């Protein structure tokens, strides 16, 4: 890690697990200027006795709030999401063998805690557990617009590697588990301007990744995989090869996934998703033209 943690570190060297509490689980936050979202999220994981905030040098009160809540704070210059998560998982010593990766705009309630506790005691083969995400927008759950989206969040320390700089992928030689409970996601908590600013950055990273993947083959068998993550990855790879992709994404979410049943919130969200996909496409074209020495 490029910068030591805030506050003195005691005990064994960083990395690994400090005891053998098989049923315990810590929580890991990646943060950057999250003073608005962090207090509520920390409250929702108050059941954990080992919370780590892995901060990218926030300019607001994120670190102050985290330390006031008794969390351990580490700081590292951000480069990309996969590298940052790998550093947080591998260069920090955790109290328990399991770590739940949480974003500040999410809420993880006690029912999830109880299901996690039962799962990790019962299944000794899994290295990662996935959860379904409930997106909340304009005061309502987007029940149809893109739901369900599965996210790998509970990982066994030392057994999972994170790849892909944006919209990360989690790789493990161990088993995968899928739990029933949902976590709640509030992607617009900071307003539309913040969402657009963040997705402007995301679209740049996504475009750079896609340009680097030119020539990668599609594996048709993944379309019929029992693993929902492999199916989703195949559909995304296929979608990136289609013409008029932003319009098709809108139609897929709004009509085929019944996003229209989510009312005004569903319509606005599908429009925003199409805008995001359009930003990616334009930036891919920009990067390809730059490689050929052409102007924009």
C-alpha atoms as a PDB file:
ATOM      1  CA  UNK A   1       0.000   0.000   0.000  1.00  0.00           C
ATOM      2  CA  UNK A   2       1.368   3.393  -0.910  1.00  0.00           C
ATOM      3  CA  UNK A   3       0.326   5.144   2.329  1.00  0.00           C
ATOM      4  CA  UNK A   4       0.124   3.672   5.836  1.00  0.00           C
ATOM      5  CA  UNK A   5      -3.207   3.587   7.683  1.00  0.00           C
ATOM      6  CA  UNK A   6      -4.348   6.515   9.746  1.00  0.00           C
ATOM      7  CA  UNK A   7      -3.424   5.716  13.307  1.00  0.00           C
ATOM      8  CA  UNK A   8      -0.913   3.203  14.592  1.00  0.00           C
ATOM      9  CA  UNK A   9      -1.139  -0.438  13.567  1.00  0.00           C
ATOM     10  CA  UNK A  10      -0.519  -3.111  16.182  1.00  0.00           C
ATOM     11  CA  UNK A  11      -0.182  -6.851  15.855  1.00  0.00           C
ATOM     12  CA  UNK A  12       0.945  -9.090  12.978  1.00  0.00           C
ATOM     13  CA  UNK A  13       1.940  -7.691   9.575  1.00  0.00           C
ATOM     14  CA  UNK A  14      -0.797  -6.432   7.284  1.00  0.00           C
ATOM     15  CA  UNK A  15      -2.597  -8.984   5.145  1.00  0.00           C
ATOM     16  CA  UNK A  16      -4.492 -12.070   6.222  1.00  0.00           C
ATOM     17  CA  UNK A  17      -6.588 -12.818   9.302  1.00  0.00           C
ATOM     18  CA  UNK A  18      -5.777 -12.145  12.930  1.00  0.00           C
ATOM     19  CA  UNK A  19      -7.847 -14.963  14.460  1.00  0.00           C
ATOM     20  CA  UNK A  20      -9.858 -18.035  13.531  1.00  0.00           C
ATOM     21  CA  UNK A  21     -13.440 -17.001  14.243  1.00  0.00           C
ATOM     22  CA  UNK A  22     -15.007 -19.000  11.413  1.00  0.00           C
ATOM     23  CA  UNK A  23     -18.466 -17.438  11.731  1.00  0.00           C
ATOM     24  CA  UNK A  24     -17.306 -13.818  11.989  1.00  0.00           C
ATOM     25  CA  UNK A  25     -17.294 -11.270   9.166  1.00  0.00           C
ATOM     26  CA  UNK A  26     -15.810  -7.878   8.703  1.00  0.00           C
ATOM     27  CA  UNK A  27     -16.950  -5.059   6.434  1.00  0.00           C
ATOM     28  CA  UNK A  28     -14.919  -3.184   3.848  1.00  0.00           C
ATOM     29  CA  UNK A  29     -15.825   0.204   2.362  1.00  0.00           C
ATOM     30  CA  UNK A  30     -14.063   1.842  -0.555  1.00  0.00           C
ATOM     31  CA  UNK A  31     -14.642   5.556  -0.094  1.00  0.00           C
ATOM     32  CA  UNK A  32     -14.112   8.921  -1.740  1.00  0.00           C
ATOM     33  CA  UNK A  33     -15.939  11.966  -0.383  1.00  0.00           C
ATOM     34  CA  UNK A  34     -18.768   9.999   1.218  1.00  0.00           C
ATOM     35  CA  UNK A  35     -19.601  12.198   4.220  1.00  0.00           C
ATOM     36  CA  UNK A  36     -23.277  12.272   3.163  1.00  0.00           C
ATOM     37  CA  UNK A  37     -23.797   8.526   2.693  1.00  0.00           C
ATOM     38  CA  UNK A  38     -21.313   6.996   5.134  1.00  0.00           C
ATOM     39  CA  UNK A  39     -23.098   7.534   8.501  1.00  0.00           C
ATOM     40  CA  UNK A  40     -26.269   5.710   7.434  1.00  0.00           C
ATOM     41  CA  UNK A  41     -24.360   2.845   5.868  1.00  0.00           C
ATOM     42  CA  UNK A  42     -22.110   2.412   8.892  1.00  0.00           C
ATOM     43  CA  UNK A  43     -25.229   2.279  11.044  1.00  0.00           C
ATOM     44  CA  UNK A  44     -26.679  -0.499   8.841  1.00  0.00           C
ATOM     45  CA  UNK A  45     -23.599  -2.693   9.417  1.00  0.00           C
ATOM     46  CA  UNK A  46     -23.286  -1.976  13.136  1.00  0.00           C
ATOM     47  CA  UNK A  47     -23.547  -5.758  13.643  1.00  0.00           C
ATOM     48  CA  UNK A  48     -19.921  -6.110  12.448  1.00  0.00           C
ATOM     49  CA  UNK A  49     -17.102  -5.747  14.965  1.00  0.00           C
ATOM     50  CA  UNK A  50     -14.429  -5.152  12.289  1.00  0.00           C
ATOM     51  CA  UNK A  51     -15.223  -2.344   9.840  1.00  0.00           C
ATOM     52  CA  UNK A  52     -12.527  -1.014   7.502  1.00  0.00           C
ATOM     53  CA  UNK A  53     -12.811   2.173   5.436  1.00  0.00           C
ATOM     54  CA  UNK A  54     -10.316   2.095   2.565  1.00  0.00           C
ATOM     55  CA  UNK A  55     -10.254   5.711   1.492  1.00  0.00           C
ATOM     56  CA  UNK A  56      -8.950   7.389  -1.684  1.00  0.00           C
ATOM     57  CA  UNK A  57      -7.904  10.614   0.075  1.00  0.00           C
ATOM     58  CA  UNK A  58     -11.313  12.171   0.543  1.00  0.00           C
ATOM     59  CA  UNK A  59     -11.439  15.959   0.662  1.00  0.00           C
ATOM     60  CA  UNK A  60     -14.532  16.069   2.897  1.00  0.00           C
ATOM     61  CA  UNK A  61     -15.256  14.690   6.387  1.00  0.00           C
ATOM     62  CA  UNK A  62     -15.341  11.012   5.351  1.00  0.00           C
ATOM     63  CA  UNK A  63     -12.259  10.029   7.356  1.00  0.00           C
ATOM     64  CA  UNK A  64     -13.332  12.049  10.382  1.00  0.00           C
ATOM     65  CA  UNK A  65     -16.769  10.410  10.399  1.00  0.00           C
ATOM     66  CA  UNK A  66     -15.306   6.934   9.951  1.00  0.00           C
ATOM     67  CA  UNK A  67     -12.851   7.297  12.811  1.00  0.00           C
ATOM     68  CA  UNK A  68     -15.529   8.779  15.080  1.00  0.00           C
ATOM     69  CA  UNK A  69     -17.572   5.609  14.482  1.00  0.00           C
ATOM     70  CA  UNK A  70     -14.650   3.441  15.575  1.00  0.00           C
ATOM     71  CA  UNK A  71     -13.734   2.076  12.151  1.00  0.00           C
ATOM     72  CA  UNK A  72     -10.202   1.413  10.996  1.00  0.00           C
ATOM     73  CA  UNK A  73      -9.161   3.793   8.208  1.00  0.00           C
ATOM     74  CA  UNK A  74      -6.550   3.167   5.516  1.00  0.00           C
ATOM     75  CA  UNK A  75      -5.710   5.443   2.615  1.00  0.00           C
ATOM     76  CA  UNK A  76      -4.370   4.710  -0.855  1.00  0.00           C
ATOM     77  CA  UNK A  77      -4.244   6.719  -4.067  1.00  0.00           C
ATOM     78  CA  UNK A  78      -6.998   5.437  -6.368  1.00  0.00           C
ATOM     79  CA  UNK A  79      -6.001   3.964  -9.739  1.00  0.00           C
ATOM     80  CA  UNK A  80      -8.880   1.638 -10.656  1.00  0.00           C
ATOM     81  CA  UNK A  81     -11.522  -0.359  -8.811  1.00  0.00           C
ATOM     82  CA  UNK A  82     -10.003  -3.811  -9.237  1.00  0.00           C
ATOM     83  CA  UNK A  83      -6.562  -2.732  -8.017  1.00  0.00           C
ATOM     84  CA  UNK A  84      -8.079  -0.791  -5.127  1.00  0.00           C
ATOM     85  CA  UNK A  85     -10.208  -3.722  -3.978  1.00  0.00           C
ATOM     86  CA  UNK A  86      -7.329  -6.176  -4.289  1.00  0.00           C
ATOM     87  CA  UNK A  87      -5.161  -3.874  -2.176  1.00  0.00           C
ATOM     88  CA  UNK A  88      -7.891  -3.522   0.425  1.00  0.00           C
ATOM     89  CA  UNK A  89      -8.435  -7.287   0.596  1.00  0.00           C
ATOM     90  CA  UNK A  90      -4.787  -8.336   0.554  1.00  0.00           C
ATOM     91  CA  UNK A  91      -2.900  -5.592   2.368  1.00  0.00           C
ATOM     92  CA  UNK A  92      -5.146  -5.155   5.386  1.00  0.00           C
ATOM     93  CA  UNK A  93      -5.285  -7.597   8.271  1.00  0.00           C
ATOM     94  CA  UNK A  94      -8.846  -8.619   9.111  1.00  0.00           C
ATOM     95  CA  UNK A  95     -10.202 -10.003  12.329  1.00  0.00           C
ATOM     96  CA  UNK A  96     -12.375 -12.621  10.598  1.00  0.00           C
ATOM     97  CA  UNK A  97     -11.979 -14.896   7.552  1.00  0.00           C
ATOM     98  CA  UNK A  98     -15.005 -13.365   5.796  1.00  0.00           C
ATOM     99  CA  UNK A  99     -15.306  -9.760   4.578  1.00  0.00           C
ATOM    100  CA  UNK A 100     -18.450  -8.070   3.243  1.00  0.00           C
ATOM    101  CA  UNK A 101     -17.664  -5.429   0.615  1.00  0.00           C
ATOM    102  CA  UNK A 102     -20.055  -2.508   0.993  1.00  0.00           C
ATOM    103  CA  UNK A 103     -20.540   0.816  -0.818  1.00  0.00           C
ATOM    104  CA  UNK A 104     -21.548   3.893   1.138  1.00  0.00           C
ATOM    105  CA  UNK A 105     -24.796   4.372  -0.810  1.00  0.00           C
ATOM    106  CA  UNK A 106     -26.040   0.933   0.271  1.00  0.00           C
ATOM    107  CA  UNK A 107     -27.882  -0.365   3.317  1.00  0.00           C
ATOM    108  CA  UNK A 108     -27.371  -3.861   4.730  1.00  0.00           C
ATOM    109  CA  UNK A 109     -29.949  -4.741   7.362  1.00  0.00           C
ATOM    110  CA  UNK A 110     -29.959  -7.308  10.134  1.00  0.00           C
ATOM    111  CA  UNK A 111     -31.883  -9.907   8.104  1.00  0.00           C
ATOM    112  CA  UNK A 112     -28.898 -10.130   5.746  1.00  0.00           C
ATOM    113  CA  UNK A 113     -26.559 -10.439   8.717  1.00  0.00           C
ATOM    114  CA  UNK A 114     -28.551 -13.406  10.004  1.00  0.00           C
ATOM    115  CA  UNK A 115     -28.599 -15.135   6.607  1.00  0.00           C
ATOM    116  CA  UNK A 116     -24.847 -14.613   6.187  1.00  0.00           C
ATOM    117  CA  UNK A 117     -24.178 -16.097   9.614  1.00  0.00           C
ATOM    118  CA  UNK A 118     -26.171 -19.224   8.781  1.00  0.00           C
ATOM    119  CA  UNK A 119     -24.649 -19.636   5.307  1.00  0.00           C
ATOM    120  CA  UNK A 120     -20.983 -19.470   6.230  1.00  0.00           C
ATOM    121  CA  UNK A 121     -21.459 -21.946   9.063  1.00  0.00           C
ATOM    122  CA  UNK A 122     -23.303 -24.396   6.815  1.00  0.00           C
ATOM    123  CA  UNK A 123     -21.239 -24.276   3.589  1.00  0.00           C
ATOM    124  CA  UNK A 124     -17.505 -24.844   3.971  1.00  0.00           C
ATOM    125  CA  UNK A 125     -16.762 -24.926   0.212  1.00  0.00           C
ATOM    126  CA  UNK A 126     -17.820 -21.417  -0.854  1.00  0.00           C
ATOM    127  CA  UNK A 127     -15.320 -18.574  -1.246  1.00  0.00           C
ATOM    128  CA  UNK A 128     -17.774 -15.900  -2.385  1.00  0.00           C
ATOM    129  CA  UNK A 129     -21.454 -15.168  -1.864  1.00  0.00           C
ATOM    130  CA  UNK A 130     -23.673 -13.105  -4.149  1.00  0.00           C
ATOM    131  CA  UNK A 131     -26.649 -10.938  -3.232  1.00  0.00           C
ATOM    132  CA  UNK A 132     -29.451  -9.323  -5.181  1.00  0.00           C
ATOM    133  CA  UNK A 133     -29.534  -5.538  -5.271  1.00  0.00           C
ATOM    134  CA  UNK A 134     -32.631  -3.377  -4.901  1.00  0.00           C
ATOM    135  CA  UNK A 135     -32.170   0.006  -6.588  1.00  0.00           C
ATOM    136  CA  UNK A 136     -34.229   2.843  -5.118  1.00  0.00           C
ATOM    137  CA  UNK A 137     -35.004   5.909  -7.256  1.00  0.00           C
ATOM    138  CA  UNK A 138     -37.459   8.764  -6.721  1.00  0.00           C
ATOM    139  CA  UNK A 139     -38.752   7.095  -3.576  1.00  0.00           C
ATOM    140  CA  UNK A 140     -39.524   3.677  -5.045  1.00  0.00           C
ATOM    141  CA  UNK A 141     -37.864   0.338  -5.632  1.00  0.00           C
ATOM    142  CA  UNK A 142     -37.143  -0.214  -9.331  1.00  0.00           C
ATOM    143  CA  UNK A 143     -38.640  -3.666  -9.209  1.00  0.00           C
ATOM    144  CA  UNK A 144     -38.620  -4.296 -12.946  1.00  0.00           C
ATOM    145  CA  UNK A 145     -35.916  -2.048 -14.388  1.00  0.00           C
ATOM    146  CA  UNK A 146     -32.897  -4.314 -14.473  1.00  0.00           C
ATOM    147  CA  UNK A 147     -33.843  -6.402 -11.433  1.00  0.00           C
ATOM    148  CA  UNK A 148     -32.461  -8.768 -10.333  1.00  0.00           C
ATOM    149  CA  UNK A 149     -28.814  -7.779 -10.499  1.00  0.00           C
ATOM    150  CA  UNK A 150     -26.518 -10.142  -8.608  1.00  0.00           C
ATOM    151  CA  UNK A 151     -23.396  -8.767  -6.942  1.00  0.00           C
ATOM    152  CA  UNK A 152     -20.562 -10.744  -5.356  1.00  0.00           C
ATOM    153  CA  UNK A 153     -19.916  -9.058  -2.023  1.00  0.00           C
ATOM    154  CA  UNK A 154     -19.086 -11.542   0.726  1.00  0.00           C
ATOM    155  CA  UNK A 155     -15.610 -12.970   0.139  1.00  0.00           C
ATOM    156  CA  UNK A 156     -13.260 -15.252   1.974  1.00  0.00           C
ATOM    157  CA  UNK A 157      -9.998 -13.435   2.616  1.00  0.00           C
ATOM    158  CA  UNK A 158      -7.164 -14.718   0.437  1.00  0.00           C
ATOM    159  CA  UNK A 159      -9.375 -16.792  -1.876  1.00  0.00           C
ATOM    160  CA  UNK A 160     -10.800 -14.162  -4.260  1.00  0.00           C
ATOM    161  CA  UNK A 161      -9.084 -12.011  -6.890  1.00  0.00           C
ATOM    162  CA  UNK A 162     -10.726  -8.951  -8.416  1.00  0.00           C
ATOM    163  CA  UNK A 163     -10.271  -8.263 -12.142  1.00  0.00           C
ATOM    164  CA  UNK A 164     -11.489  -5.608 -14.608  1.00  0.00           C
ATOM    165  CA  UNK A 165     -10.937  -1.942 -13.764  1.00  0.00           C
ATOM    166  CA  UNK A 166     -14.656  -1.014 -13.801  1.00  0.00           C
ATOM    167  CA  UNK A 167     -17.727  -3.198 -13.152  1.00  0.00           C
ATOM    168  CA  UNK A 168     -15.351  -5.631 -11.527  1.00  0.00           C
ATOM    169  CA  UNK A 169     -15.284  -9.405 -11.868  1.00  0.00           C
ATOM    170  CA  UNK A 170     -14.493 -11.719  -8.947  1.00  0.00           C
ATOM    171  CA  UNK A 171     -12.470 -14.856  -9.600  1.00  0.00           C
ATOM    172  CA  UNK A 172     -12.009 -17.758  -7.241  1.00  0.00           C
ATOM    173  CA  UNK A 173     -11.122 -21.442  -7.357  1.00  0.00           C
ATOM    174  CA  UNK A 174     -13.614 -22.050  -4.560  1.00  0.00           C
ATOM    175  CA  UNK A 175     -17.367 -22.375  -4.656  1.00  0.00           C
ATOM    176  CA  UNK A 176     -19.965 -19.655  -5.194  1.00  0.00           C
ATOM    177  CA  UNK A 177     -23.084 -19.106  -3.136  1.00  0.00           C
ATOM    178  CA  UNK A 178     -26.256 -17.106  -3.815  1.00  0.00           C
ATOM    179  CA  UNK A 179     -28.237 -15.783  -0.876  1.00  0.00           C
ATOM    180  CA  UNK A 180     -31.913 -14.801  -0.769  1.00  0.00           C
ATOM    181  CA  UNK A 181     -31.805 -11.446   0.978  1.00  0.00           C
ATOM    182  CA  UNK A 182     -31.421  -8.109  -0.802  1.00  0.00           C
ATOM    183  CA  UNK A 183     -29.286  -5.120   0.002  1.00  0.00           C
ATOM    184  CA  UNK A 184     -30.702  -1.666  -0.690  1.00  0.00           C
ATOM    185  CA  UNK A 185     -28.935   0.666  -3.136  1.00  0.00           C
ATOM    186  CA  UNK A 186     -29.556   4.434  -3.301  1.00  0.00           C
ATOM    187  CA  UNK A 187     -27.583   5.471  -6.428  1.00  0.00           C
ATOM    188  CA  UNK A 188     -29.066   8.994  -6.549  1.00  0.00           C
ATOM    189  CA  UNK A 189     -28.614   9.946  -2.897  1.00  0.00           C
ATOM    190  CA  UNK A 190     -26.284  12.789  -3.893  1.00  0.00           C
ATOM    191  CA  UNK A 191     -28.472  14.039  -6.734  1.00  0.00           C
ATOM    192  CA  UNK A 192     -28.442  13.853 -10.519  1.00  0.00           C
ATOM    193  CA  UNK A 193     -25.357  16.042 -10.956  1.00  0.00           C
ATOM    194  CA  UNK A 194     -23.256  13.650  -8.866  1.00  0.00           C
ATOM    195  CA  UNK A 195     -24.657  10.605 -10.689  1.00  0.00           C
ATOM    196  CA  UNK A 196     -23.815  12.145 -14.074  1.00  0.00           C
ATOM    197  CA  UNK A 197     -20.345  13.180 -12.906  1.00  0.00           C
ATOM    198  CA  UNK A 198     -19.637   9.682 -11.572  1.00  0.00           C
ATOM    199  CA  UNK A 199     -20.919   7.967 -14.700  1.00  0.00           C
ATOM    200  CA  UNK A 200     -18.906  10.289 -16.883  1.00  0.00           C
ATOM    201  CA  UNK A 201     -15.850   8.853 -15.123  1.00  0.00           C
ATOM    202  CA  UNK A 202     -17.238   5.310 -15.299  1.00  0.00           C
ATOM    203  CA  UNK A 203     -17.903   5.618 -19.038  1.00  0.00           C
ATOM    204  CA  UNK A 204     -14.290   6.661 -19.642  1.00  0.00           C
ATOM    205  CA  UNK A 205     -13.000   3.632 -17.747  1.00  0.00           C
ATOM    206  CA  UNK A 206     -15.493   1.328 -19.489  1.00  0.00           C
ATOM    207  CA  UNK A 207     -14.525   2.648 -22.929  1.00  0.00           C
ATOM    208  CA  UNK A 208     -10.820   2.143 -22.213  1.00  0.00           C
ATOM    209  CA  UNK A 209     -11.535  -1.423 -21.084  1.00  0.00           C
ATOM    210  CA  UNK A 210     -13.621  -2.187 -24.168  1.00  0.00           C
ATOM    211  CA  UNK A 211     -10.991  -0.857 -26.566  1.00  0.00           C
ATOM    212  CA  UNK A 212      -8.481  -3.129 -24.865  1.00  0.00           C
ATOM    213  CA  UNK A 213     -10.782  -6.128 -25.340  1.00  0.00           C
ATOM    214  CA  UNK A 214     -11.114  -5.832 -29.110  1.00  0.00           C
ATOM    215  CA  UNK A 215     -10.840  -9.311 -30.588  1.00  0.00           C
ATOM    216  CA  UNK A 216     -12.041 -11.161 -27.478  1.00  0.00           C
ATOM    217  CA  UNK A 217     -14.272 -14.069 -28.464  1.00  0.00           C
ATOM    218  CA  UNK A 218     -17.836 -14.565 -27.315  1.00  0.00           C
ATOM    219  CA  UNK A 219     -18.596 -17.910 -25.687  1.00  0.00           C
ATOM    220  CA  UNK A 220     -22.135 -18.814 -26.716  1.00  0.00           C
ATOM    221  CA  UNK A 221     -22.388 -21.457 -23.987  1.00  0.00           C
ATOM    222  CA  UNK A 222     -22.347 -18.675 -21.395  1.00  0.00           C
ATOM    223  CA  UNK A 223     -25.757 -17.539 -22.618  1.00  0.00           C
ATOM    224  CA  UNK A 224     -27.198 -20.762 -21.152  1.00  0.00           C
ATOM    225  CA  UNK A 225     -25.033 -20.949 -18.035  1.00  0.00           C
ATOM    226  CA  UNK A 226     -26.672 -21.611 -14.689  1.00  0.00           C
ATOM    227  CA  UNK A 227     -24.439 -18.878 -13.277  1.00  0.00           C
ATOM    228  CA  UNK A 228     -26.365 -15.562 -13.590  1.00  0.00           C
ATOM    229  CA  UNK A 229     -23.113 -13.601 -13.598  1.00  0.00           C
ATOM    230  CA  UNK A 230     -21.771 -15.494 -16.615  1.00  0.00           C
ATOM    231  CA  UNK A 231     -25.069 -14.987 -18.436  1.00  0.00           C
ATOM    232  CA  UNK A 232     -25.000 -11.247 -17.659  1.00  0.00           C
ATOM    233  CA  UNK A 233     -21.393 -10.949 -18.821  1.00  0.00           C
ATOM    234  CA  UNK A 234     -22.251 -12.682 -22.110  1.00  0.00           C
ATOM    235  CA  UNK A 235     -25.224 -10.370 -22.707  1.00  0.00           C
ATOM    236  CA  UNK A 236     -23.078  -7.305 -22.035  1.00  0.00           C
ATOM    237  CA  UNK A 237     -20.361  -8.508 -24.401  1.00  0.00           C
ATOM    238  CA  UNK A 238     -22.996  -9.205 -27.049  1.00  0.00           C
ATOM    239  CA  UNK A 239     -24.676  -5.844 -26.519  1.00  0.00           C
ATOM    240  CA  UNK A 240     -21.405  -3.960 -27.041  1.00  0.00           C
ATOM    241  CA  UNK A 241     -21.226  -5.432 -30.549  1.00  0.00           C
ATOM    242  CA  UNK A 242     -24.700  -4.299 -31.612  1.00  0.00           C
ATOM    243  CA  UNK A 243     -25.537  -1.138 -33.590  1.00  0.00           C
ATOM    244  CA  UNK A 244     -27.802   1.494 -31.986  1.00  0.00           C
ATOM    245  CA  UNK A 245     -26.836   0.020 -28.619  1.00  0.00           C
ATOM    246  CA  UNK A 246     -28.061   2.845 -26.330  1.00  0.00           C
ATOM    247  CA  UNK A 247     -31.521   2.689 -27.926  1.00  0.00           C
ATOM    248  CA  UNK A 248     -31.578  -1.100 -27.639  1.00  0.00           C
ATOM    249  CA  UNK A 249     -30.574  -0.906 -23.963  1.00  0.00           C
ATOM    250  CA  UNK A 250     -33.468   1.480 -23.340  1.00  0.00           C
ATOM    251  CA  UNK A 251     -35.926  -0.814 -25.134  1.00  0.00           C
ATOM    252  CA  UNK A 252     -34.617  -3.861 -23.300  1.00  0.00           C
ATOM    253  CA  UNK A 253     -34.969  -2.265 -19.856  1.00  0.00           C
ATOM    254  CA  UNK A 254     -38.178  -0.365 -20.457  1.00  0.00           C
ATOM    255  CA  UNK A 255     -40.164  -2.843 -22.545  1.00  0.00           C
ATOM    256  CA  UNK A 256     -38.679  -6.351 -22.274  1.00  0.00           C
ATOM    257  CA  UNK A 257     -37.893  -6.016 -18.555  1.00  0.00           C
ATOM    258  CA  UNK A 258     -41.179  -4.171 -17.952  1.00  0.00           C
ATOM    259  CA  UNK A 259     -39.506  -1.014 -16.696  1.00  0.00           C
ATOM    260  CA  UNK A 260     -42.655   0.894 -17.634  1.00  0.00           C
ATOM    261  CA  UNK A 261     -44.315  -0.702 -14.606  1.00  0.00           C
ATOM    262  CA  UNK A 262     -41.952   1.332 -12.418  1.00  0.00           C
ATOM    263  CA  UNK A 263     -43.729   4.501 -13.500  1.00  0.00           C
ATOM    264  CA  UNK A 264     -41.961   7.835 -13.960  1.00  0.00           C
ATOM    265  CA  UNK A 265     -38.982   6.577 -11.983  1.00  0.00           C
ATOM    266  CA  UNK A 266     -38.585   3.641 -14.376  1.00  0.00           C
ATOM    267  CA  UNK A 267     -38.819   5.859 -17.449  1.00  0.00           C
ATOM    268  CA  UNK A 268     -36.263   8.344 -16.144  1.00  0.00           C
ATOM    269  CA  UNK A 269     -33.889   5.605 -15.039  1.00  0.00           C
ATOM    270  CA  UNK A 270     -34.033   3.885 -18.444  1.00  0.00           C
ATOM    271  CA  UNK A 271     -33.309   7.209 -20.128  1.00  0.00           C
ATOM    272  CA  UNK A 272     -30.297   7.771 -17.883  1.00  0.00           C
ATOM    273  CA  UNK A 273     -29.001   4.273 -18.608  1.00  0.00           C
ATOM    274  CA  UNK A 274     -29.271   4.966 -22.346  1.00  0.00           C
ATOM    275  CA  UNK A 275     -27.334   8.219 -21.878  1.00  0.00           C
ATOM    276  CA  UNK A 276     -24.613   6.322 -20.014  1.00  0.00           C
ATOM    277  CA  UNK A 277     -24.343   3.714 -22.775  1.00  0.00           C
ATOM    278  CA  UNK A 278     -24.198   6.494 -25.393  1.00  0.00           C
ATOM    279  CA  UNK A 279     -21.317   8.124 -23.494  1.00  0.00           C
ATOM    280  CA  UNK A 280     -19.440   4.819 -23.599  1.00  0.00           C
ATOM    281  CA  UNK A 281     -19.988   4.415 -27.336  1.00  0.00           C
ATOM    282  CA  UNK A 282     -18.811   7.959 -28.107  1.00  0.00           C
ATOM    283  CA  UNK A 283     -15.681   7.510 -26.005  1.00  0.00           C
ATOM    284  CA  UNK A 284     -14.883   4.197 -27.709  1.00  0.00           C
ATOM    285  CA  UNK A 285     -15.079   6.010 -31.060  1.00  0.00           C
ATOM    286  CA  UNK A 286     -12.899   8.803 -29.680  1.00  0.00           C
ATOM    287  CA  UNK A 287     -10.227   6.381 -28.483  1.00  0.00           C
ATOM    288  CA  UNK A 288     -10.221   4.481 -31.783  1.00  0.00           C
ATOM    289  CA  UNK A 289      -9.874   7.711 -33.773  1.00  0.00           C
ATOM    290  CA  UNK A 290      -7.025   8.850 -31.534  1.00  0.00           C
ATOM    291  CA  UNK A 291      -5.226   5.542 -32.126  1.00  0.00           C
ATOM    292  CA  UNK A 292      -5.449   6.247 -35.862  1.00  0.00           C
ATOM    293  CA  UNK A 293      -4.178   9.800 -35.434  1.00  0.00           C
ATOM    294  CA  UNK A 294      -7.545  11.329 -36.308  1.00  0.00           C
ATOM    295  CA  UNK A 295      -9.180  14.337 -34.688  1.00  0.00           C
ATOM    296  CA  UNK A 296     -12.524  14.289 -32.904  1.00  0.00           C
END
